PDB file of N, CA and C in Angstrom:
ATOM      1  N   MET A   1      23.102  55.418  15.629  1.00  0.00           N
ATOM      2  CA  MET A   1      23.504  54.270  16.419  1.00  0.00           C
ATOM      3  C   MET A   1      22.505  53.147  16.199  1.00  0.00           C
ATOM      4  N   MET A   2      23.004  51.926  16.291  1.00  0.00           N
ATOM      5  CA  MET A   2      22.174  50.766  16.053  1.00  0.00           C
ATOM      6  C   MET A   2      22.518  49.701  17.092  1.00  0.00           C
ATOM      7  N   THR A   3      21.531  48.949  17.498  1.00  0.00           N
ATOM      8  CA  THR A   3      21.746  47.847  18.425  1.00  0.00           C
ATOM      9  C   THR A   3      21.550  46.543  17.684  1.00  0.00           C
ATOM     10  N   LEU A   4      22.414  45.581  17.973  1.00  0.00           N
ATOM     11  CA  LEU A   4      22.362  44.292  17.302  1.00  0.00           C
ATOM     12  C   LEU A   4      22.291  43.195  18.350  1.00  0.00           C
ATOM     13  N   ASN A   5      21.278  42.362  18.252  1.00  0.00           N
ATOM     14  CA  ASN A   5      21.154  41.220  19.151  1.00  0.00           C
ATOM     15  C   ASN A   5      21.627  39.970  18.440  1.00  0.00           C
ATOM     16  N   ILE A   6      22.657  39.315  18.991  1.00  0.00           N
ATOM     17  CA  ILE A   6      23.183  38.092  18.394  1.00  0.00           C
ATOM     18  C   ILE A   6      23.287  37.022  19.464  1.00  0.00           C
ATOM     19  N   ASP A   7      23.252  35.771  19.037  1.00  0.00           N
ATOM     20  CA  ASP A   7      23.341  34.675  20.000  1.00  0.00           C
ATOM     21  C   ASP A   7      24.765  34.564  20.536  1.00  0.00           C
ATOM     22  N   ASP A   8      24.922  33.806  21.622  1.00  0.00           N
ATOM     23  CA  ASP A   8      26.213  33.694  22.293  1.00  0.00           C
ATOM     24  C   ASP A   8      27.298  33.103  21.400  1.00  0.00           C
ATOM     25  N   ASP A   9      26.960  32.096  20.607  1.00  0.00           N
ATOM     26  CA  ASP A   9      27.962  31.495  19.723  1.00  0.00           C
ATOM     27  C   ASP A   9      28.486  32.509  18.713  1.00  0.00           C
ATOM     28  N   THR A  10      27.583  33.277  18.133  1.00  0.00           N
ATOM     29  CA  THR A  10      27.988  34.294  17.164  1.00  0.00           C
ATOM     30  C   THR A  10      28.808  35.379  17.845  1.00  0.00           C
ATOM     31  N   ALA A  11      28.420  35.769  19.048  1.00  0.00           N
ATOM     32  CA  ALA A  11      29.168  36.786  19.802  1.00  0.00           C
ATOM     33  C   ALA A  11      30.581  36.300  20.102  1.00  0.00           C
ATOM     34  N   ASN A  12      30.710  35.023  20.443  1.00  0.00           N
ATOM     35  CA  ASN A  12      32.040  34.474  20.716  1.00  0.00           C
ATOM     36  C   ASN A  12      32.895  34.458  19.457  1.00  0.00           C
ATOM     37  N   LEU A  13      32.319  34.062  18.332  1.00  0.00           N
ATOM     38  CA  LEU A  13      33.053  34.076  17.074  1.00  0.00           C
ATOM     39  C   LEU A  13      33.463  35.500  16.704  1.00  0.00           C
ATOM     40  N   LEU A  14      32.578  36.442  16.919  1.00  0.00           N
ATOM     41  CA  LEU A  14      32.864  37.840  16.633  1.00  0.00           C
ATOM     42  C   LEU A  14      34.022  38.341  17.503  1.00  0.00           C
ATOM     43  N   ARG A  15      33.985  38.011  18.774  1.00  0.00           N
ATOM     44  CA  ARG A  15      35.065  38.414  19.674  1.00  0.00           C
ATOM     45  C   ARG A  15      36.406  37.815  19.238  1.00  0.00           C
ATOM     46  N   GLN A  16      36.395  36.529  18.888  1.00  0.00           N
ATOM     47  CA  GLN A  16      37.624  35.863  18.455  1.00  0.00           C
ATOM     48  C   GLN A  16      38.182  36.505  17.188  1.00  0.00           C
ATOM     49  N   LEU A  17      37.320  36.733  16.216  1.00  0.00           N
ATOM     50  CA  LEU A  17      37.771  37.321  14.965  1.00  0.00           C
ATOM     51  C   LEU A  17      38.243  38.759  15.153  1.00  0.00           C
ATOM     52  N   SER A  18      37.563  39.502  15.993  1.00  0.00           N
ATOM     53  CA  SER A  18      37.982  40.887  16.230  1.00  0.00           C
ATOM     54  C   SER A  18      39.349  40.919  16.902  1.00  0.00           C
ATOM     55  N   GLU A  19      39.629  39.968  17.777  1.00  0.00           N
ATOM     56  CA  GLU A  19      40.956  39.884  18.390  1.00  0.00           C
ATOM     57  C   GLU A  19      42.009  39.523  17.343  1.00  0.00           C
ATOM     58  N   GLN A  20      41.688  38.582  16.454  1.00  0.00           N
ATOM     59  CA  GLN A  20      42.631  38.187  15.401  1.00  0.00           C
ATOM     60  C   GLN A  20      42.928  39.355  14.467  1.00  0.00           C
ATOM     61  N   GLU A  21      41.920  40.138  14.171  1.00  0.00           N
ATOM     62  CA  GLU A  21      42.056  41.256  13.230  1.00  0.00           C
ATOM     63  C   GLU A  21      42.521  42.539  13.910  1.00  0.00           C
ATOM     64  N   HIS A  22      42.606  42.528  15.233  1.00  0.00           N
ATOM     65  CA  HIS A  22      43.041  43.689  16.025  1.00  0.00           C
ATOM     66  C   HIS A  22      42.146  44.902  15.801  1.00  0.00           C
ATOM     67  N   VAL A  23      40.846  44.648  15.762  1.00  0.00           N
ATOM     68  CA  VAL A  23      39.857  45.722  15.677  1.00  0.00           C
ATOM     69  C   VAL A  23      38.759  45.439  16.694  1.00  0.00           C
ATOM     70  N   SER A  24      38.011  46.447  17.016  1.00  0.00           N
ATOM     71  CA  SER A  24      36.907  46.251  17.952  1.00  0.00           C
ATOM     72  C   SER A  24      35.802  45.440  17.267  1.00  0.00           C
ATOM     73  N   PRO A  25      34.980  44.765  18.062  1.00  0.00           N
ATOM     74  CA  PRO A  25      33.849  44.050  17.459  1.00  0.00           C
ATOM     75  C   PRO A  25      32.952  44.980  16.639  1.00  0.00           C
ATOM     76  N   ALA A  26      32.744  46.203  17.119  1.00  0.00           N
ATOM     77  CA  ALA A  26      31.903  47.159  16.378  1.00  0.00           C
ATOM     78  C   ALA A  26      32.529  47.501  15.033  1.00  0.00           C
ATOM     79  N   GLN A  27      33.853  47.719  15.011  1.00  0.00           N
ATOM     80  CA  GLN A  27      34.520  48.046  13.750  1.00  0.00           C
ATOM     81  C   GLN A  27      34.500  46.852  12.806  1.00  0.00           C
ATOM     82  N   LEU A  28      34.668  45.654  13.343  1.00  0.00           N
ATOM     83  CA  LEU A  28      34.616  44.455  12.517  1.00  0.00           C
ATOM     84  C   LEU A  28      33.246  44.310  11.863  1.00  0.00           C
ATOM     85  N   ILE A  29      32.189  44.537  12.627  1.00  0.00           N
ATOM     86  CA  ILE A  29      30.834  44.464  12.076  1.00  0.00           C
ATOM     87  C   ILE A  29      30.660  45.514  10.979  1.00  0.00           C
ATOM     88  N   LYS A  30      31.142  46.739  11.215  1.00  0.00           N
ATOM     89  CA  LYS A  30      31.053  47.788  10.197  1.00  0.00           C
ATOM     90  C   LYS A  30      31.774  47.359   8.924  1.00  0.00           C
ATOM     91  N   ASN A  31      32.986  46.818   9.079  1.00  0.00           N
ATOM     92  CA  ASN A  31      33.766  46.389   7.915  1.00  0.00           C
ATOM     93  C   ASN A  31      33.068  45.265   7.159  1.00  0.00           C
ATOM     94  N   LEU A  32      32.584  44.276   7.887  1.00  0.00           N
ATOM     95  CA  LEU A  32      31.912  43.147   7.255  1.00  0.00           C
ATOM     96  C   LEU A  32      30.635  43.581   6.545  1.00  0.00           C
ATOM     97  N   LEU A  33      29.870  44.440   7.176  1.00  0.00           N
ATOM     98  CA  LEU A  33      28.632  44.926   6.571  1.00  0.00           C
ATOM     99  C   LEU A  33      28.924  45.753   5.322  1.00  0.00           C
ATOM    100  N   SER A  34      29.932  46.603   5.403  1.00  0.00           N
ATOM    101  CA  SER A  34      30.311  47.408   4.247  1.00  0.00           C
ATOM    102  C   SER A  34      30.744  46.517   3.084  1.00  0.00           C
ATOM    103  N   ASP A  35      31.576  45.512   3.361  1.00  0.00           N
ATOM    104  CA  ASP A  35      32.012  44.585   2.319  1.00  0.00           C
ATOM    105  C   ASP A  35      30.829  43.852   1.700  1.00  0.00           C
ATOM    106  N   TYR A  36      29.909  43.413   2.548  1.00  0.00           N
ATOM    107  CA  TYR A  36      28.735  42.686   2.068  1.00  0.00           C
ATOM    108  C   TYR A  36      27.866  43.567   1.173  1.00  0.00           C
ATOM    109  N   LEU A  37      27.641  44.799   1.592  1.00  0.00           N
ATOM    110  CA  LEU A  37      26.812  45.708   0.803  1.00  0.00           C
ATOM    111  C   LEU A  37      27.481  46.044  -0.528  1.00  0.00           C
ATOM    112  N   GLU A  38      28.803  46.203  -0.534  1.00  0.00           N
ATOM    113  CA  GLU A  38      29.519  46.434  -1.783  1.00  0.00           C
ATOM    114  C   GLU A  38      29.391  45.220  -2.708  1.00  0.00           C
ATOM    115  N   ASP A  39      29.484  44.017  -2.137  1.00  0.00           N
ATOM    116  CA  ASP A  39      29.317  42.800  -2.935  1.00  0.00           C
ATOM    117  C   ASP A  39      27.919  42.735  -3.546  1.00  0.00           C
ATOM    118  N   LEU A  40      26.903  43.101  -2.778  1.00  0.00           N
ATOM    119  CA  LEU A  40      25.538  43.117  -3.307  1.00  0.00           C
ATOM    120  C   LEU A  40      25.402  44.106  -4.454  1.00  0.00           C
ATOM    121  N   ALA A  41      25.994  45.288  -4.307  1.00  0.00           N
ATOM    122  CA  ALA A  41      25.936  46.294  -5.366  1.00  0.00           C
ATOM    123  C   ALA A  41      26.662  45.788  -6.612  1.00  0.00           C
ATOM    124  N   ASP A  42      27.813  45.152  -6.432  1.00  0.00           N
ATOM    125  CA  ASP A  42      28.553  44.597  -7.570  1.00  0.00           C
ATOM    126  C   ASP A  42      27.739  43.516  -8.280  1.00  0.00           C
ATOM    127  N   ALA A  43      27.088  42.657  -7.503  1.00  0.00           N
ATOM    128  CA  ALA A  43      26.273  41.591  -8.090  1.00  0.00           C
ATOM    129  C   ALA A  43      25.104  42.179  -8.862  1.00  0.00           C
ATOM    130  N   ALA A  44      24.487  43.223  -8.333  1.00  0.00           N
ATOM    131  CA  ALA A  44      23.371  43.871  -9.029  1.00  0.00           C
ATOM    132  C   ALA A  44      23.849  44.496 -10.342  1.00  0.00           C
ATOM    133  N   ALA A  45      25.015  45.123 -10.313  1.00  0.00           N
ATOM    134  CA  ALA A  45      25.561  45.717 -11.542  1.00  0.00           C
ATOM    135  C   ALA A  45      25.882  44.630 -12.566  1.00  0.00           C
ATOM    136  N   ALA A  46      26.405  43.507 -12.102  1.00  0.00           N
ATOM    137  CA  ALA A  46      26.696  42.396 -13.007  1.00  0.00           C
ATOM    138  C   ALA A  46      25.411  41.839 -13.612  1.00  0.00           C
ATOM    139  N   ASP A  47      24.355  41.742 -12.804  1.00  0.00           N
ATOM    140  CA  ASP A  47      23.064  41.270 -13.320  1.00  0.00           C
ATOM    141  C   ASP A  47      22.536  42.197 -14.410  1.00  0.00           C
ATOM    142  N   ILE A  48      22.667  43.494 -14.201  1.00  0.00           N
ATOM    143  CA  ILE A  48      22.210  44.467 -15.196  1.00  0.00           C
ATOM    144  C   ILE A  48      23.032  44.337 -16.474  1.00  0.00           C
ATOM    145  N   ALA A  49      24.348  44.224 -16.322  1.00  0.00           N
ATOM    146  CA  ALA A  49      25.217  44.093 -17.498  1.00  0.00           C
ATOM    147  C   ALA A  49      24.899  42.819 -18.271  1.00  0.00           C
ATOM    148  N   LEU A  50      24.661  41.728 -17.564  1.00  0.00           N
ATOM    149  CA  LEU A  50      24.314  40.473 -18.226  1.00  0.00           C
ATOM    150  C   LEU A  50      22.986  40.592 -18.950  1.00  0.00           C
ATOM    151  N   ALA A  51      22.012  41.237 -18.318  1.00  0.00           N
ATOM    152  CA  ALA A  51      20.700  41.415 -18.958  1.00  0.00           C
ATOM    153  C   ALA A  51      20.830  42.258 -20.226  1.00  0.00           C
ATOM    154  N   GLU A  52      21.645  43.318 -20.171  1.00  0.00           N
ATOM    155  CA  GLU A  52      21.850  44.159 -21.348  1.00  0.00           C
ATOM    156  C   GLU A  52      22.547  43.376 -22.455  1.00  0.00           C
ATOM    157  N   LEU A  53      23.504  42.551 -22.096  1.00  0.00           N
ATOM    158  CA  LEU A  53      24.211  41.737 -23.079  1.00  0.00           C
ATOM    159  C   LEU A  53      23.266  40.715 -23.701  1.00  0.00           C
ATOM    160  N   THR A  54      22.450  40.083 -22.869  1.00  0.00           N
ATOM    161  CA  THR A  54      21.529  39.045 -23.326  1.00  0.00           C
ATOM    162  C   THR A  54      20.480  39.598 -24.287  1.00  0.00           C
ATOM    163  N   CYS A  55      19.991  40.801 -24.014  1.00  0.00           N
ATOM    164  CA  CYS A  55      18.937  41.363 -24.879  1.00  0.00           C
ATOM    165  C   CYS A  55      19.500  42.184 -26.030  1.00  0.00           C
ATOM    166  N   GLY A  56      20.814  42.200 -26.194  1.00  0.00           N
ATOM    167  CA  GLY A  56      21.411  42.857 -27.338  1.00  0.00           C
ATOM    168  C   GLY A  56      21.689  44.336 -27.183  1.00  0.00           C
ATOM    169  N   LYS A  57      21.514  44.894 -25.999  1.00  0.00           N
ATOM    170  CA  LYS A  57      21.796  46.315 -25.788  1.00  0.00           C
ATOM    171  C   LYS A  57      23.301  46.579 -25.691  1.00  0.00           C
ATOM    172  N   ASP A  58      24.072  45.540 -25.498  1.00  0.00           N
ATOM    173  CA  ASP A  58      25.512  45.673 -25.366  1.00  0.00           C
ATOM    174  C   ASP A  58      26.141  44.497 -26.088  1.00  0.00           C
ATOM    175  N   ASP A  59      27.385  44.629 -26.476  1.00  0.00           N
ATOM    176  CA  ASP A  59      28.053  43.516 -27.120  1.00  0.00           C
ATOM    177  C   ASP A  59      29.449  43.348 -26.550  1.00  0.00           C
ATOM    178  N   THR A  60      30.117  42.310 -26.981  1.00  0.00           N
ATOM    179  CA  THR A  60      31.444  42.006 -26.468  1.00  0.00           C
ATOM    180  C   THR A  60      32.453  42.062 -27.603  1.00  0.00           C
ATOM    181  N   ILE A  61      33.714  42.145 -27.219  1.00  0.00           N
ATOM    182  CA  ILE A  61      34.796  42.049 -28.185  1.00  0.00           C
ATOM    183  C   ILE A  61      35.790  41.028 -27.663  1.00  0.00           C
ATOM    184  N   SER A  62      36.580  40.483 -28.556  1.00  0.00           N
ATOM    185  CA  SER A  62      37.572  39.503 -28.146  1.00  0.00           C
ATOM    186  C   SER A  62      38.729  40.198 -27.439  1.00  0.00           C
ATOM    187  N   LEU A  63      39.538  39.419 -26.756  1.00  0.00           N
ATOM    188  CA  LEU A  63      40.710  39.970 -26.093  1.00  0.00           C
ATOM    189  C   LEU A  63      41.654  40.583 -27.126  1.00  0.00           C
ATOM    190  N   ALA A  64      41.794  39.930 -28.273  1.00  0.00           N
ATOM    191  CA  ALA A  64      42.667  40.452 -29.328  1.00  0.00           C
ATOM    192  C   ALA A  64      42.171  41.813 -29.811  1.00  0.00           C
ATOM    193  N   GLU A  65      40.862  41.958 -29.984  1.00  0.00           N
ATOM    194  CA  GLU A  65      40.300  43.246 -30.408  1.00  0.00           C
ATOM    195  C   GLU A  65      40.534  44.313 -29.348  1.00  0.00           C
ATOM    196  N   TRP A  66      40.352  43.944 -28.100  1.00  0.00           N
ATOM    197  CA  TRP A  66      40.563  44.885 -26.998  1.00  0.00           C
ATOM    198  C   TRP A  66      42.018  45.332 -26.957  1.00  0.00           C
ATOM    199  N   GLU A  67      42.941  44.376 -27.149  1.00  0.00           N
ATOM    200  CA  GLU A  67      44.360  44.713 -27.153  1.00  0.00           C
ATOM    201  C   GLU A  67      44.697  45.648 -28.310  1.00  0.00           C
ATOM    202  N   GLN A  68      44.091  45.419 -29.475  1.00  0.00           N
ATOM    203  CA  GLN A  68      44.305  46.308 -30.620  1.00  0.00           C
ATOM    204  C   GLN A  68      43.841  47.722 -30.301  1.00  0.00           C
ATOM    205  N   GLN A  69      42.673  47.826 -29.688  1.00  0.00           N
ATOM    206  CA  GLN A  69      42.140  49.145 -29.336  1.00  0.00           C
ATOM    207  C   GLN A  69      43.043  49.824 -28.305  1.00  0.00           C
ATOM    208  N   LEU A  70      43.514  49.074 -27.345  1.00  0.00           N
ATOM    209  CA  LEU A  70      44.393  49.614 -26.317  1.00  0.00           C
ATOM    210  C   LEU A  70      45.712  50.062 -26.935  1.00  0.00           C
ATOM    211  N   ASN A  71      46.278  49.256 -27.814  1.00  0.00           N
ATOM    212  CA  ASN A  71      47.529  49.618 -28.477  1.00  0.00           C
ATOM    213  C   ASN A  71      47.354  50.886 -29.325  1.00  0.00           C
ATOM    214  N   ALA A  72      46.201  51.019 -29.974  1.00  0.00           N
ATOM    215  CA  ALA A  72      45.951  52.202 -30.791  1.00  0.00           C
ATOM    216  C   ALA A  72      45.908  53.461 -29.930  1.00  0.00           C
ATOM    217  N   LEU A  73      45.402  53.344 -28.705  1.00  0.00           N
ATOM    218  CA  LEU A  73      45.358  54.494 -27.812  1.00  0.00           C
ATOM    219  C   LEU A  73      46.748  54.891 -27.333  1.00  0.00           C
ATOM    220  N   GLU A  74      47.634  53.925 -27.212  1.00  0.00           N
ATOM    221  CA  GLU A  74      48.985  54.182 -26.707  1.00  0.00           C
ATOM    222  C   GLU A  74      49.880  54.840 -27.754  1.00  0.00           C
ATOM    223  N   HIS A  75      49.523  54.720 -29.019  1.00  0.00           N
ATOM    224  CA  HIS A  75      50.393  55.255 -30.078  1.00  0.00           C
ATOM    225  C   HIS A  75      49.872  56.544 -30.604  1.00  0.00           C
TER     226      HIS A  75
END
């Protein structure tokens, strides 16, 4: 269990949004936090992929090449 202290304006916005979404304020906070943490993980993975691409550890292919490879797998 965790306790969260928020100002009145934020609490009012949270209450309004939780009513709009038909979820409890606690569930809304859980959902928002989960989404945020997933976004952070995705951004970190993208940073790693970009770094690998930039330093030559990975390379890219064109869309046409990708489509050729995909078509070859289908046949």
